[in-house]
N, C-alpha and C. Protein backbone atom coordinates (compact mmCIF):
# COMPACT_ATOMS: atom_id res chain seq x y z
N MET A 1 103.48 66.92 113.04
CA MET A 1 102.86 65.95 111.75
C MET A 1 102.72 67.15 110.77
N GLY A 2 103.67 66.87 109.69
CA GLY A 2 103.51 67.12 108.37
C GLY A 2 102.25 67.65 107.51
N ALA A 3 102.37 68.91 106.57
CA ALA A 3 101.28 68.56 105.91
C ALA A 3 101.00 67.69 104.70
N ALA A 4 99.69 67.32 104.85
CA ALA A 4 99.47 66.55 103.64
C ALA A 4 99.17 66.89 102.38
N ALA A 5 99.56 66.00 101.38
CA ALA A 5 99.71 66.55 99.99
C ALA A 5 98.14 66.60 99.54
N ALA A 6 98.05 67.52 98.05
CA ALA A 6 96.65 67.21 97.82
C ALA A 6 96.51 66.17 97.49
N VAL A 7 95.01 65.71 96.98
CA VAL A 7 94.80 64.34 96.63
C VAL A 7 94.61 64.57 94.91
N ALA A 8 94.98 63.85 94.49
CA ALA A 8 94.96 64.17 92.51
C ALA A 8 93.66 63.83 92.13
N ALA A 9 92.70 64.21 91.99
CA ALA A 9 91.44 64.36 91.26
C ALA A 9 91.12 65.28 90.39
N ASP A 10 90.05 65.12 89.67
CA ASP A 10 89.61 66.11 88.89
C ASP A 10 87.90 66.50 89.33
N ALA A 11 87.49 66.14 90.22
CA ALA A 11 86.32 66.30 90.61
C ALA A 11 85.84 65.33 91.82
N ALA A 12 85.28 66.03 92.79
CA ALA A 12 84.54 65.03 93.77
C ALA A 12 82.92 65.74 93.75
N VAL A 13 82.78 64.82 94.56
CA VAL A 13 80.72 64.76 94.72
C VAL A 13 81.15 64.06 95.93
N ALA A 14 80.35 64.79 96.97
CA ALA A 14 80.19 64.70 98.74
C ALA A 14 78.72 65.03 99.19
N TYR A 15 78.19 63.98 100.10
CA TYR A 15 77.32 64.10 101.10
C TYR A 15 77.52 64.24 102.51
N SER A 16 78.65 64.71 102.76
CA SER A 16 79.02 65.23 103.89
C SER A 16 80.36 65.99 103.47
N ALA A 17 81.01 66.52 104.68
CA ALA A 17 81.98 67.84 104.66
C ALA A 17 83.69 66.64 104.74
N ILE A 18 84.30 67.14 104.26
CA ILE A 18 85.58 66.72 103.57
C ILE A 18 86.49 67.39 104.59
N HIS A 19 87.09 67.22 105.73
CA HIS A 19 87.55 67.69 106.76
C HIS A 19 89.03 68.48 106.42
N ASP A 20 89.23 68.13 105.39
CA ASP A 20 91.13 69.12 104.97
C ASP A 20 90.73 69.84 104.01
N ALA A 21 89.69 70.96 103.67
CA ALA A 21 89.81 71.55 102.89
C ALA A 21 91.10 71.79 101.85
N ASN A 22 92.00 72.67 102.91
CA ASN A 22 93.38 72.65 101.84
C ASN A 22 94.18 71.23 101.65
N ARG A 23 93.20 70.52 101.04
CA ARG A 23 93.70 69.16 100.37
C ARG A 23 93.22 68.99 98.90
N VAL A 24 92.15 69.91 98.49
CA VAL A 24 91.34 69.82 97.66
C VAL A 24 91.46 71.02 96.79
N ASN A 25 91.72 70.41 95.73
CA ASN A 25 91.98 71.26 94.43
C ASN A 25 91.59 71.02 93.31
N TYR A 26 90.15 70.66 93.46
CA TYR A 26 89.68 70.27 92.22
C TYR A 26 87.94 70.78 92.50
N PRO A 27 87.13 70.96 91.49
CA PRO A 27 85.76 71.19 91.23
C PRO A 27 85.28 70.05 92.63
N VAL A 28 84.02 70.28 93.56
CA VAL A 28 83.01 69.69 94.61
C VAL A 28 81.93 70.66 94.23
N LEU A 29 80.95 69.06 94.19
CA LEU A 29 79.24 69.10 94.12
C LEU A 29 79.46 68.43 95.67
N CYS A 30 78.17 69.13 96.51
CA CYS A 30 78.15 68.50 97.91
C CYS A 30 76.52 68.75 98.04
N HIS A 31 75.63 67.68 98.43
CA HIS A 31 75.02 67.11 98.65
C HIS A 31 74.42 67.30 99.73
N PHE A 32 73.23 68.17 100.65
CA PHE A 32 72.91 68.06 102.20
C PHE A 32 72.21 67.98 102.48
N ALA A 33 71.26 67.18 103.30
CA ALA A 33 70.57 66.96 103.86
C ALA A 33 69.28 68.37 104.24
N LYS A 34 68.68 68.47 104.36
CA LYS A 34 67.83 70.16 105.26
C LYS A 34 67.99 69.73 106.50
N HIS A 35 67.83 68.12 106.77
CA HIS A 35 67.62 68.45 108.76
C HIS A 35 68.77 67.08 108.60
N ASP A 36 70.01 67.33 109.42
CA ASP A 36 70.70 66.67 109.65
C ASP A 36 71.41 67.34 111.18
N GLU A 37 72.15 66.31 111.85
CA GLU A 37 73.04 67.15 112.99
C GLU A 37 74.34 67.02 112.12
N TRP A 38 75.19 68.40 112.62
CA TRP A 38 76.45 68.32 111.87
C TRP A 38 77.14 68.52 113.14
N PRO A 39 78.62 67.91 113.79
CA PRO A 39 79.66 68.53 114.55
C PRO A 39 79.77 70.43 114.34
N GLU A 40 79.81 70.92 115.38
CA GLU A 40 80.29 72.47 115.18
C GLU A 40 81.25 72.54 114.17
N ASP A 41 82.17 71.95 114.19
CA ASP A 41 82.98 72.41 113.03
C ASP A 41 82.95 71.73 111.60
N GLU A 42 82.00 70.67 111.35
CA GLU A 42 81.82 70.29 110.11
C GLU A 42 80.27 71.00 109.43
N ARG A 43 79.72 71.87 110.11
CA ARG A 43 78.26 72.46 109.44
C ARG A 43 79.04 72.88 108.21
N PRO A 44 77.68 72.59 107.44
CA PRO A 44 78.02 72.87 105.55
C PRO A 44 78.02 74.34 105.35
N ALA A 45 77.88 75.05 105.96
CA ALA A 45 77.79 76.68 105.84
C ALA A 45 79.58 76.99 106.06
N LEU A 46 80.27 76.22 107.43
CA LEU A 46 81.24 76.71 107.62
C LEU A 46 82.52 75.78 106.69
N PHE A 47 82.02 74.96 106.13
CA PHE A 47 82.90 73.77 105.38
C PHE A 47 82.69 74.13 103.80
N LEU A 48 81.59 74.58 103.22
CA LEU A 48 81.90 75.41 102.24
C LEU A 48 82.56 76.68 102.05
N ASN A 49 82.52 77.16 103.47
CA ASN A 49 83.34 78.95 103.33
C ASN A 49 84.99 78.07 103.53
N ARG A 50 85.22 77.05 103.94
CA ARG A 50 86.42 77.14 104.26
C ARG A 50 87.13 76.49 102.80
N LEU A 51 86.10 75.89 102.00
CA LEU A 51 86.51 75.35 100.15
C LEU A 51 86.71 76.50 99.44
N ARG A 52 85.87 77.92 99.77
CA ARG A 52 85.78 79.16 99.22
C ARG A 52 87.31 79.72 99.33
N GLU A 53 87.18 79.52 100.68
CA GLU A 53 88.88 80.43 100.90
C GLU A 53 89.89 79.57 100.73
N CYS A 54 89.70 78.65 100.23
CA CYS A 54 91.03 77.46 99.36
C CYS A 54 91.00 78.04 97.81
N ARG A 55 89.85 78.66 97.60
CA ARG A 55 89.81 78.95 96.09
C ARG A 55 89.31 77.70 94.95
N VAL A 56 88.53 76.77 95.97
CA VAL A 56 87.97 75.61 95.38
C VAL A 56 86.75 75.84 94.87
N ASP A 57 86.63 75.42 93.37
CA ASP A 57 85.31 75.89 93.02
C ASP A 57 84.26 74.83 93.55
N VAL A 58 83.33 75.43 94.28
CA VAL A 58 82.28 74.33 95.09
C VAL A 58 80.61 74.76 94.94
N GLU A 59 80.20 73.50 94.61
CA GLU A 59 78.30 74.16 94.25
C GLU A 59 78.00 73.15 95.39
N ALA A 60 76.74 73.40 96.01
CA ALA A 60 76.53 72.62 97.06
C ALA A 60 74.56 72.80 96.89
N GLU A 61 74.10 71.49 96.91
CA GLU A 61 72.40 71.80 96.96
C GLU A 61 71.73 70.87 98.35
N THR A 62 71.16 71.69 98.93
CA THR A 62 70.46 71.04 100.11
C THR A 62 68.61 70.40 99.80
N TYR A 63 68.48 69.41 99.87
CA TYR A 63 67.22 68.86 99.31
C TYR A 63 66.13 69.45 100.47
N PRO A 64 64.94 70.06 100.53
CA PRO A 64 64.18 70.33 101.45
C PRO A 64 63.62 68.96 101.75
N GLY A 65 63.31 69.05 102.95
CA GLY A 65 62.26 67.97 103.70
C GLY A 65 63.14 66.83 103.83
N THR A 66 64.03 66.55 103.41
CA THR A 66 65.04 65.54 103.75
C THR A 66 66.18 65.34 105.21
N GLN A 67 66.30 64.36 105.33
CA GLN A 67 66.86 63.87 106.87
C GLN A 67 68.63 62.78 106.17
N HIS A 68 69.49 63.19 107.30
CA HIS A 68 70.65 62.62 107.42
C HIS A 68 70.51 61.25 106.12
N GLY A 69 71.16 60.72 105.48
CA GLY A 69 71.60 59.19 104.56
C GLY A 69 69.35 59.54 103.81
N PHE A 70 69.72 60.47 102.99
CA PHE A 70 68.67 60.77 102.57
C PHE A 70 68.58 59.92 100.94
N ALA A 71 69.80 59.78 100.47
CA ALA A 71 70.39 58.93 99.22
C ALA A 71 70.33 57.43 99.57
N ASN A 72 70.36 57.11 100.89
CA ASN A 72 70.71 55.66 100.89
C ASN A 72 69.29 54.63 100.72
N ALA A 73 69.13 54.05 100.00
CA ALA A 73 68.09 53.73 99.72
C ALA A 73 67.73 52.39 101.00
N ASP A 74 68.77 51.84 101.97
CA ASP A 74 68.88 50.84 102.89
C ASP A 74 68.53 51.17 103.97
N ILE A 75 68.21 52.42 104.13
CA ILE A 75 67.68 53.56 105.12
C ILE A 75 66.43 54.07 105.55
N PRO A 76 65.68 54.14 106.68
CA PRO A 76 64.50 54.23 106.71
C PRO A 76 64.23 56.07 105.94
N ALA A 77 65.33 56.90 105.96
CA ALA A 77 65.30 58.49 105.64
C ALA A 77 65.81 58.39 104.20
N TYR A 78 65.55 57.28 103.18
CA TYR A 78 65.82 57.49 102.06
C TYR A 78 64.65 58.05 101.38
N ASP A 79 64.56 59.04 100.40
CA ASP A 79 64.03 59.99 99.85
C ASP A 79 64.07 59.78 98.34
N GLU A 80 63.17 58.98 97.72
CA GLU A 80 63.94 58.90 96.22
C GLU A 80 63.67 59.86 95.05
N ALA A 81 62.91 61.12 95.47
CA ALA A 81 62.63 61.99 94.80
C ALA A 81 63.89 63.05 94.95
N ALA A 82 64.37 63.12 96.52
CA ALA A 82 65.57 63.80 96.08
C ALA A 82 67.10 62.70 95.65
N ALA A 83 67.06 61.48 96.34
CA ALA A 83 68.11 61.11 95.66
C ALA A 83 68.34 61.00 94.25
N CYS A 84 67.34 60.94 93.38
CA CYS A 84 66.98 60.99 91.84
C CYS A 84 67.62 62.67 91.37
N ASP A 85 67.27 63.43 92.12
CA ASP A 85 67.36 64.99 91.41
C ASP A 85 69.18 64.79 91.96
N ALA A 86 69.45 64.28 93.19
CA ALA A 86 70.97 64.91 93.67
C ALA A 86 72.04 63.66 92.44
N TRP A 87 71.28 62.29 92.02
CA TRP A 87 72.01 61.54 91.05
C TRP A 87 71.86 62.30 89.39
N ARG A 88 71.08 63.24 89.05
CA ARG A 88 70.71 64.20 88.21
C ARG A 88 71.90 65.39 88.40
N ALA A 89 72.43 66.01 89.53
CA ALA A 89 72.95 66.67 89.76
C ALA A 89 74.50 66.43 89.36
N THR A 90 74.48 65.32 90.47
CA THR A 90 76.05 64.76 90.06
C THR A 90 76.48 64.31 88.72
N ARG A 91 75.30 63.70 88.10
CA ARG A 91 75.68 63.42 86.66
C ARG A 91 75.91 64.56 85.78
N ASP A 92 75.50 65.38 85.64
CA ASP A 92 75.19 66.90 85.27
C ASP A 92 76.34 67.37 85.40
N PHE A 93 76.84 67.86 87.17
CA PHE A 93 78.22 68.33 87.50
C PHE A 93 79.55 67.60 86.91
N LEU A 94 79.41 66.27 86.90
CA LEU A 94 80.90 65.80 86.59
C LEU A 94 80.62 65.87 85.37
N GLN A 95 79.62 65.55 84.31
CA GLN A 95 79.99 65.91 82.69
C GLN A 95 80.44 67.27 82.52
N ARG A 96 80.33 68.28 83.29
CA ARG A 96 80.67 69.37 82.82
C ARG A 96 82.06 69.60 83.04
N VAL A 97 82.18 69.44 84.53
CA VAL A 97 83.57 69.65 84.91
C VAL A 97 84.74 68.65 84.30
N LEU A 98 84.37 67.64 84.00
CA LEU A 98 85.61 66.60 83.69
C LEU A 98 85.45 66.85 81.85
N THR A 99 84.38 67.26 81.77
CA THR A 99 84.76 67.57 79.88
C THR A 99 85.66 68.81 79.90
N SER A 100 85.14 69.56 80.49
CA SER A 100 86.27 71.05 80.49
C SER A 100 87.42 70.91 80.94
N SER A 101 87.79 69.96 81.75
CA SER A 101 89.46 69.44 82.39
C SER A 101 89.80 68.89 81.36
N ARG A 102 89.09 68.14 81.02
CA ARG A 102 89.89 67.20 79.53
C ARG A 102 90.08 68.24 78.50
N ASP A 103 89.53 69.16 78.14
CA ASP A 103 89.30 70.21 77.28
C ASP A 103 90.64 71.36 77.18
N GLY A 104 90.86 71.16 78.85
CA GLY A 104 92.11 72.37 79.18
C GLY A 104 91.36 73.68 79.19
N ARG A 105 89.77 73.57 79.69
CA ARG A 105 89.49 74.60 80.43
C ARG A 105 88.84 74.83 81.95
N SER A 106 90.13 73.95 82.76
CA SER A 106 89.66 73.82 84.17
C SER A 106 89.80 75.11 85.30
C-alpha cells in the first residue's frame, strides 16, 4: 500500500484521535473527555506526541469531570458547560489560525 497524500485543509478540530498523523499538515485543536476509554495506540498523549513529532501545531483541551461524548447533546454523557467551553475554544482557535493562514502568517 502506498503512502497517503496529505489532506488539504487549513485547520482541524477533533474530539478523538486522527489515525494517520503523517497526513496532517495543518493546525489541530483536540478536545478530550477526562474519562474515556481509548485503544492502546490511540491514547491522547500518544496521539499528541505523534502530531508533534510530525511538526504539527497542535493544541489540546481536556474537560474535567466529562465522559466520552460530552459535547453530544443527544446522549446522557452530555455536559453543557464543557460543550460550551469546547465550542468557545473551537471558535477562538479557528478564528486565530484561519485569520493567520489568510494573512500568510501560518
